Protein backbone atom coordinates (compact mmCIF):
# COMPACT_ATOMS: atom_id res chain seq x y z
CA MET A 1 71.07 86.00 79.00
CA VAL A 2 72.77 87.75 76.08
CA GLU A 3 75.74 85.86 74.68
CA ARG A 4 78.92 87.96 74.60
CA ASP A 5 80.41 86.83 71.33
CA ILE A 6 82.26 90.00 70.28
CA GLU A 7 84.89 92.19 71.94
CA PHE A 8 83.34 95.68 72.12
CA THR A 9 79.88 97.08 72.46
CA VAL A 10 80.07 100.78 71.61
CA PHE A 11 77.07 102.37 73.32
CA THR A 12 75.71 105.75 72.25
CA PRO A 13 72.83 107.30 74.20
CA THR A 14 71.04 109.99 72.21
CA TYR A 15 68.17 112.44 72.40
CA ASN A 16 67.33 114.62 69.39
CA ARG A 17 70.92 114.57 68.15
CA ALA A 18 70.41 113.46 64.54
CA SER A 19 72.51 116.39 63.36
CA LEU A 20 75.52 115.14 65.36
CA LEU A 21 75.21 111.37 65.06
CA GLN A 22 76.64 111.30 61.53
CA ARG A 23 80.05 112.32 62.90
CA ALA A 24 79.96 109.61 65.56
CA TYR A 25 78.91 107.06 62.94
CA GLU A 26 81.76 108.00 60.59
CA SER A 27 84.27 107.66 63.43
CA ILE A 28 82.97 104.21 64.33
CA ARG A 29 82.88 103.09 60.70
CA GLY A 30 86.53 104.13 60.34
CA GLN A 31 87.88 102.02 63.21
CA THR A 32 90.99 99.96 62.50
CA TYR A 33 89.80 97.32 64.99
CA ARG A 34 86.67 95.63 63.67
CA ASP A 35 85.32 93.27 66.34
CA PHE A 36 82.54 95.46 67.70
CA GLU A 37 78.86 96.35 67.56
CA TRP A 38 77.25 99.78 67.80
CA LEU A 39 74.30 99.96 70.20
CA ILE A 40 72.23 103.15 70.06
CA VAL A 41 69.64 103.81 72.76
CA ASP A 42 67.30 106.61 71.71
CA ASP A 43 65.83 108.34 74.77
CA GLY A 44 62.59 109.47 73.14
CA SER A 45 63.87 111.52 70.18
CA THR A 46 61.34 113.32 68.00
CA ASP A 47 63.75 114.13 65.15
CA GLU A 48 64.93 111.91 62.27
CA THR A 49 67.29 109.80 64.39
CA LYS A 50 65.59 106.48 63.58
CA ASP A 51 65.52 107.17 59.84
CA LEU A 52 69.27 107.84 59.88
CA VAL A 53 70.02 104.69 61.84
CA ASP A 54 67.86 102.60 59.50
CA GLN A 55 69.92 103.91 56.59
CA TRP A 56 73.21 103.11 58.35
CA GLU A 57 72.05 99.60 59.24
CA GLU A 58 71.66 98.85 55.53
CA GLU A 59 75.09 100.13 54.46
CA ALA A 60 77.36 99.45 57.44
CA GLN A 61 79.85 96.58 57.50
CA PHE A 62 79.37 96.11 61.24
CA PRO A 63 76.32 95.36 63.44
CA ILE A 64 74.15 98.31 64.45
CA HIS A 65 71.35 97.89 66.97
CA TYR A 66 68.77 100.59 67.65
CA VAL A 67 66.67 100.67 70.83
CA TYR A 68 63.95 103.26 71.45
CA GLN A 69 62.79 104.08 74.96
CA SER A 70 60.36 106.72 76.22
CA ASN A 71 62.19 109.76 77.55
CA GLN A 72 63.57 108.55 80.89
CA GLY A 73 67.12 109.85 81.06
CA LYS A 74 70.62 108.75 80.18
CA HIS A 75 70.93 106.55 83.27
CA VAL A 76 68.00 104.39 82.14
CA ALA A 77 69.52 104.22 78.64
CA PHE A 78 72.73 102.92 80.22
CA ASN A 79 70.88 100.12 81.99
CA ASN A 80 68.97 99.16 78.84
CA ALA A 81 72.19 99.07 76.84
CA VAL A 82 74.08 96.94 79.35
CA GLU A 83 71.25 94.39 79.35
CA ARG A 84 71.52 94.05 75.56
CA ALA A 85 75.28 94.34 75.08
CA ARG A 86 76.96 91.42 73.28
CA GLY A 87 80.48 92.73 73.77
CA ARG A 88 82.88 91.64 76.49
CA PHE A 89 83.80 95.31 76.84
CA PHE A 90 81.32 98.18 77.15
CA ALA A 91 82.56 101.47 75.65
CA VAL A 92 80.51 104.67 75.82
CA LEU A 93 80.61 107.19 72.96
CA ASP A 94 78.24 110.11 73.53
CA SER A 95 76.42 111.52 70.53
CA ASP A 96 78.54 114.68 70.45
CA ASP A 97 81.86 112.80 70.69
CA TYR A 98 83.81 110.94 68.04
CA TYR A 99 86.60 108.38 68.06
CA LYS A 100 90.07 108.56 66.63
CA PRO A 101 90.45 105.82 63.97
CA ASP A 102 92.66 103.69 66.23
CA ALA A 103 90.61 104.18 69.42
CA LEU A 104 89.31 100.63 69.87
CA GLU A 105 92.62 99.16 68.70
CA ASN A 106 94.51 101.15 71.34
CA MET A 107 91.98 100.30 74.03
CA LYS A 108 92.44 96.61 73.28
CA LYS A 109 96.24 96.97 73.36
CA CYS A 110 96.09 98.68 76.74
CA TRP A 111 93.94 95.88 78.12
CA GLY A 112 96.21 93.23 76.64
CA ALA A 113 99.21 94.75 78.41
CA ILE A 114 97.66 93.92 81.79
CA PRO A 115 98.96 90.50 82.94
CA SER A 116 96.24 87.95 82.24
CA GLN A 117 96.27 86.64 85.82
CA ASP A 118 95.48 90.16 87.11
CA ARG A 119 92.67 91.18 84.78
CA GLU A 120 89.86 90.08 87.08
CA ASN A 121 90.96 92.90 89.40
CA TYR A 122 90.44 95.53 86.69
CA ALA A 123 87.17 97.05 85.52
CA GLY A 124 88.63 98.41 82.28
CA VAL A 125 90.79 101.03 80.60
CA VAL A 126 90.53 104.84 80.64
CA GLY A 127 92.22 107.29 78.26
CA LEU A 128 91.96 110.93 77.31
CA PHE A 129 89.69 113.19 75.33
CA ALA A 130 91.02 115.99 73.15
CA TYR A 131 89.14 118.98 71.78
CA PRO A 132 88.86 119.21 67.99
CA ASP A 133 91.96 121.49 68.05
CA GLU A 134 93.92 118.63 69.71
CA LYS A 135 94.15 120.34 73.12
CA ILE A 136 93.71 117.82 75.94
CA VAL A 137 90.44 117.96 77.89
CA GLY A 138 91.16 118.37 81.58
CA ASP A 139 94.28 116.92 83.20
CA ARG A 140 96.69 114.28 82.01
CA PHE A 141 97.28 111.36 84.33
CA PRO A 142 100.44 111.66 86.46
CA GLU A 143 101.89 108.49 84.91
CA SER A 144 101.04 106.42 81.84
CA PRO A 145 100.10 103.70 82.31
CA LEU A 146 98.90 104.06 85.90
CA ASP A 147 96.86 101.43 87.71
CA CYS A 148 94.53 102.57 90.50
CA SER A 149 90.84 102.99 91.24
CA ALA A 150 88.74 105.84 89.90
CA LEU A 151 88.35 107.09 93.46
CA GLU A 152 92.11 107.27 93.96
CA MET A 153 92.60 109.06 90.65
CA TYR A 154 90.04 111.69 91.62
CA LEU A 155 91.00 112.20 95.26
CA ARG A 156 94.62 111.17 95.69
CA HIS A 157 95.97 112.29 92.31
CA ASP A 158 93.52 115.22 91.96
CA VAL A 159 92.92 114.59 88.24
CA ARG A 160 89.95 116.45 86.76
CA GLY A 161 88.24 116.42 83.38
CA ASP A 162 86.18 114.07 81.22
CA ASN A 163 87.80 110.80 80.18
CA ILE A 164 86.84 107.96 77.85
CA GLY A 165 87.47 104.23 77.69
CA PHE A 166 85.59 101.05 78.54
CA ASN A 167 84.51 98.78 81.39
CA ARG A 168 84.01 95.04 81.35
CA THR A 169 80.34 94.42 80.57
CA GLY A 170 80.01 91.97 83.45
CA VAL A 171 81.18 94.63 85.89
CA MET A 172 78.63 97.08 84.47
CA GLN A 173 75.86 94.51 84.85
CA ASN A 174 76.69 94.18 88.54
CA HIS A 175 76.63 97.96 89.05
CA PRO A 176 73.46 99.32 87.40
CA PHE A 177 72.43 102.95 87.58
CA PRO A 178 69.81 103.59 90.25
CA GLU A 179 66.35 104.32 88.90
CA ARG A 180 63.65 106.04 90.88
CA ASP A 181 60.39 107.82 90.05
CA VAL A 182 60.56 111.58 90.57
CA ASN A 183 57.92 114.27 90.37
CA THR A 184 59.64 116.22 87.62
CA PRO A 185 59.66 115.92 83.82
CA SER A 186 61.92 112.97 83.03
CA GLU A 187 63.93 114.82 80.41
CA ARG A 188 65.30 117.06 83.19
CA VAL A 189 66.61 114.22 85.35
CA ILE A 190 70.27 113.29 85.48
CA VAL A 191 71.97 110.66 87.61
CA THR A 192 75.64 111.51 87.88
CA GLU A 193 77.72 108.80 86.24
CA SER A 194 80.39 109.13 88.93
CA LEU A 195 77.98 107.50 91.39
CA VAL A 196 78.40 104.23 89.48
CA TRP A 197 82.09 104.70 88.62
CA PHE A 198 82.96 105.19 92.29
CA ARG A 199 80.87 102.19 93.34
CA ILE A 200 82.86 100.11 90.87
CA ALA A 201 86.05 101.64 92.32
CA ARG A 202 85.37 99.93 95.66
CA SER A 203 86.20 96.59 94.06
CA TYR A 204 88.20 97.24 90.88
CA ASP A 205 91.15 99.19 89.54
CA LEU A 206 91.42 100.78 86.11
CA ARG A 207 94.36 101.10 83.77
CA PHE A 208 94.78 104.80 82.99
CA THR A 209 96.71 105.88 79.91
CA ASN A 210 97.56 109.27 78.44
CA THR A 211 96.58 107.99 74.99
CA VAL A 212 93.90 110.11 73.31
CA PHE A 213 91.01 107.89 72.29
CA ALA A 214 88.41 110.42 71.15
CA TYR A 215 87.41 114.03 70.60
CA LYS A 216 85.04 115.98 72.82
CA ASP A 217 82.76 118.66 71.38
CA TYR A 218 80.58 120.09 74.14
CA GLN A 219 77.15 121.33 73.07
CA ASN A 220 75.31 124.28 74.61
CA ASP A 221 72.20 122.15 75.15
CA GLY A 222 74.06 119.15 76.54
CA LEU A 223 74.03 117.68 80.04
CA SER A 224 77.55 118.96 80.78
CA ALA A 225 76.48 122.56 80.17
CA ASN A 226 73.32 122.25 82.29
CA THR A 227 74.26 119.74 84.94
CA GLY A 228 73.40 121.88 88.00
CA PRO A 229 69.65 122.33 87.43
CA TYR A 230 69.30 118.79 86.06
CA ARG A 231 70.98 117.28 89.11
CA ALA A 232 68.82 119.39 91.42
CA ASN A 233 65.76 117.70 89.92
CA ALA A 234 67.28 114.34 90.81
CA ALA A 235 68.63 115.42 94.18
CA TRP A 236 68.30 111.92 95.63
CA SER A 237 71.06 110.60 93.33
CA SER A 238 73.35 113.60 93.82
CA ARG A 239 72.96 113.48 97.59
CA THR A 240 73.68 109.74 97.55
CA TYR A 241 76.80 110.35 95.43
CA TYR A 242 78.27 112.87 97.86
CA GLN A 243 77.34 110.77 100.88
CA GLU A 244 79.08 107.71 99.44
CA LEU A 245 82.06 109.82 98.35
CA LEU A 246 82.49 110.99 101.94
CA ASP A 247 82.01 107.48 103.33
CA GLU A 248 84.55 105.88 100.97
CA GLY A 249 87.07 108.61 100.30
CA ARG A 250 87.20 111.03 103.20
CA LYS A 251 90.70 109.97 104.27
CA MET A 252 92.03 110.77 100.79
CA MET A 253 90.42 114.21 100.55
CA SER A 254 92.26 117.50 100.74
CA THR A 255 90.76 120.23 102.91
CA ARG A 256 89.35 121.95 99.82
CA VAL A 257 87.71 118.80 98.46
CA LEU A 258 86.35 117.81 101.87
CA LEU A 259 84.63 121.18 102.33
CA LYS A 260 83.27 121.10 98.78
CA THR A 261 81.93 117.56 99.23
CA TYR A 262 80.24 118.36 102.56
CA ALA A 263 78.71 121.50 101.03
CA ASN A 264 77.30 119.60 98.06
CA TYR A 265 75.84 116.95 100.33
CA ILE A 266 74.00 119.72 102.18
CA ARG A 267 73.03 121.41 98.89
CA PHE A 268 71.22 118.36 97.52
CA THR A 269 69.75 117.40 100.89
CA LEU A 270 68.10 120.82 100.91
CA HIS A 271 66.68 120.12 97.44
CA GLU A 272 65.14 116.97 98.89
CA SER A 273 63.69 119.05 101.78
CA ASP A 274 64.71 116.32 104.20
CA ARG A 275 65.69 117.78 107.57
CA ASN A 276 66.19 114.31 109.06
CA LEU A 277 68.94 113.54 106.53
CA LEU A 278 70.66 116.82 107.36
CA ASP A 279 70.48 116.24 111.12
CA SER A 280 71.70 112.67 110.66
CA TRP A 281 74.71 113.81 108.69
CA ARG A 282 75.51 116.57 111.16
CA ALA A 283 75.68 113.98 113.94
CA ARG A 284 78.07 111.84 111.89
CA SER A 285 80.31 114.64 110.65
CA HIS A 286 83.11 116.51 112.36
CA SER A 287 81.42 119.43 114.14
CA GLY A 288 84.08 121.87 112.92
CA TRP A 289 83.09 121.26 109.30
CA PHE A 290 79.34 121.57 109.59
CA LEU A 291 78.90 125.35 109.84
CA PRO A 292 81.17 126.39 106.94
CA ALA A 293 79.80 123.55 104.78
CA LEU A 294 76.25 124.59 105.70
CA LEU A 295 76.87 128.18 104.57
CA VAL A 296 78.40 127.11 101.26
CA GLY A 297 75.73 124.48 100.72
CA ILE A 298 72.92 126.98 101.27
CA GLY A 299 74.56 129.33 98.76
CA LEU A 300 74.74 126.59 96.14
CA TYR A 301 71.14 125.60 96.82
CA VAL A 302 69.91 129.19 96.40
CA ARG A 303 71.86 129.51 93.13
CA ASP A 304 70.24 126.31 91.82
CA ARG A 305 66.76 127.56 92.70
CA MET A 306 67.33 130.88 90.94
CA ARG A 307 68.53 129.12 87.79
CA MET A 308 65.60 126.74 87.83
CA GLU A 309 63.11 129.59 88.19
CA ASN A 310 64.69 131.39 85.25
CA ASP A 311 64.50 128.36 82.91
């Protein structure tokens, strides 16, 4: 078992992003809080990523650890990183994102403000992204700080948009990303991160803060820009996500979100070509929702297939 002898593990998954990693490295090197390691999991890059990291390992005043895996997807990189993390806290910094200089310091302050006797009930801290022009990504939280689960923030408070922060490493170890062999090229597989975040939300709250921790710079070739076709090639994880979302959060859903969630469950069940799953869910669902959700779900499925054929 890895000894957790530092505060933060900053985990960066990467795939052929050598041209962007320098910015992430500079933002980590400039942190005002210094008790951290940087753990890079390279998901099969064929560019000069390793050469860059080797150079940084020699000059950096903080630990850098590089792990290479065959191209298996970000979800597998997550699991590999969590197994190796030495930090008490596990913070994710994607290769196209970069921290503000006081990001880790402010994360630690937010955690320290939680009463010590209550911290076992919290998974971690979540703050905001800004674009490079300082505009906030997505929605602000309705209060700051606000303590609730990720599921409540999404469904009850209707907050949308990418966020950034950390989870306790022990919590992450107990909630690994599902891995499953699929009959598609591995580089096109994505397991939605919300599947794990919402599983954690069954047992833990988060402290949400409107503090900006980092900058988001979406790339045209990134997962965010291509999530539909990627998720269709891993329909088992997307279908599971929407099924669990309905099981755990249906009572908190608005009419709009309920219809959308039902439709997406049907969408990814169709990608799996599993009629039994569809019939099973129809029997469990409210009959009044099935037909409209079926029509929307079929439309989404057809759109996915057209995009995949055009790739």
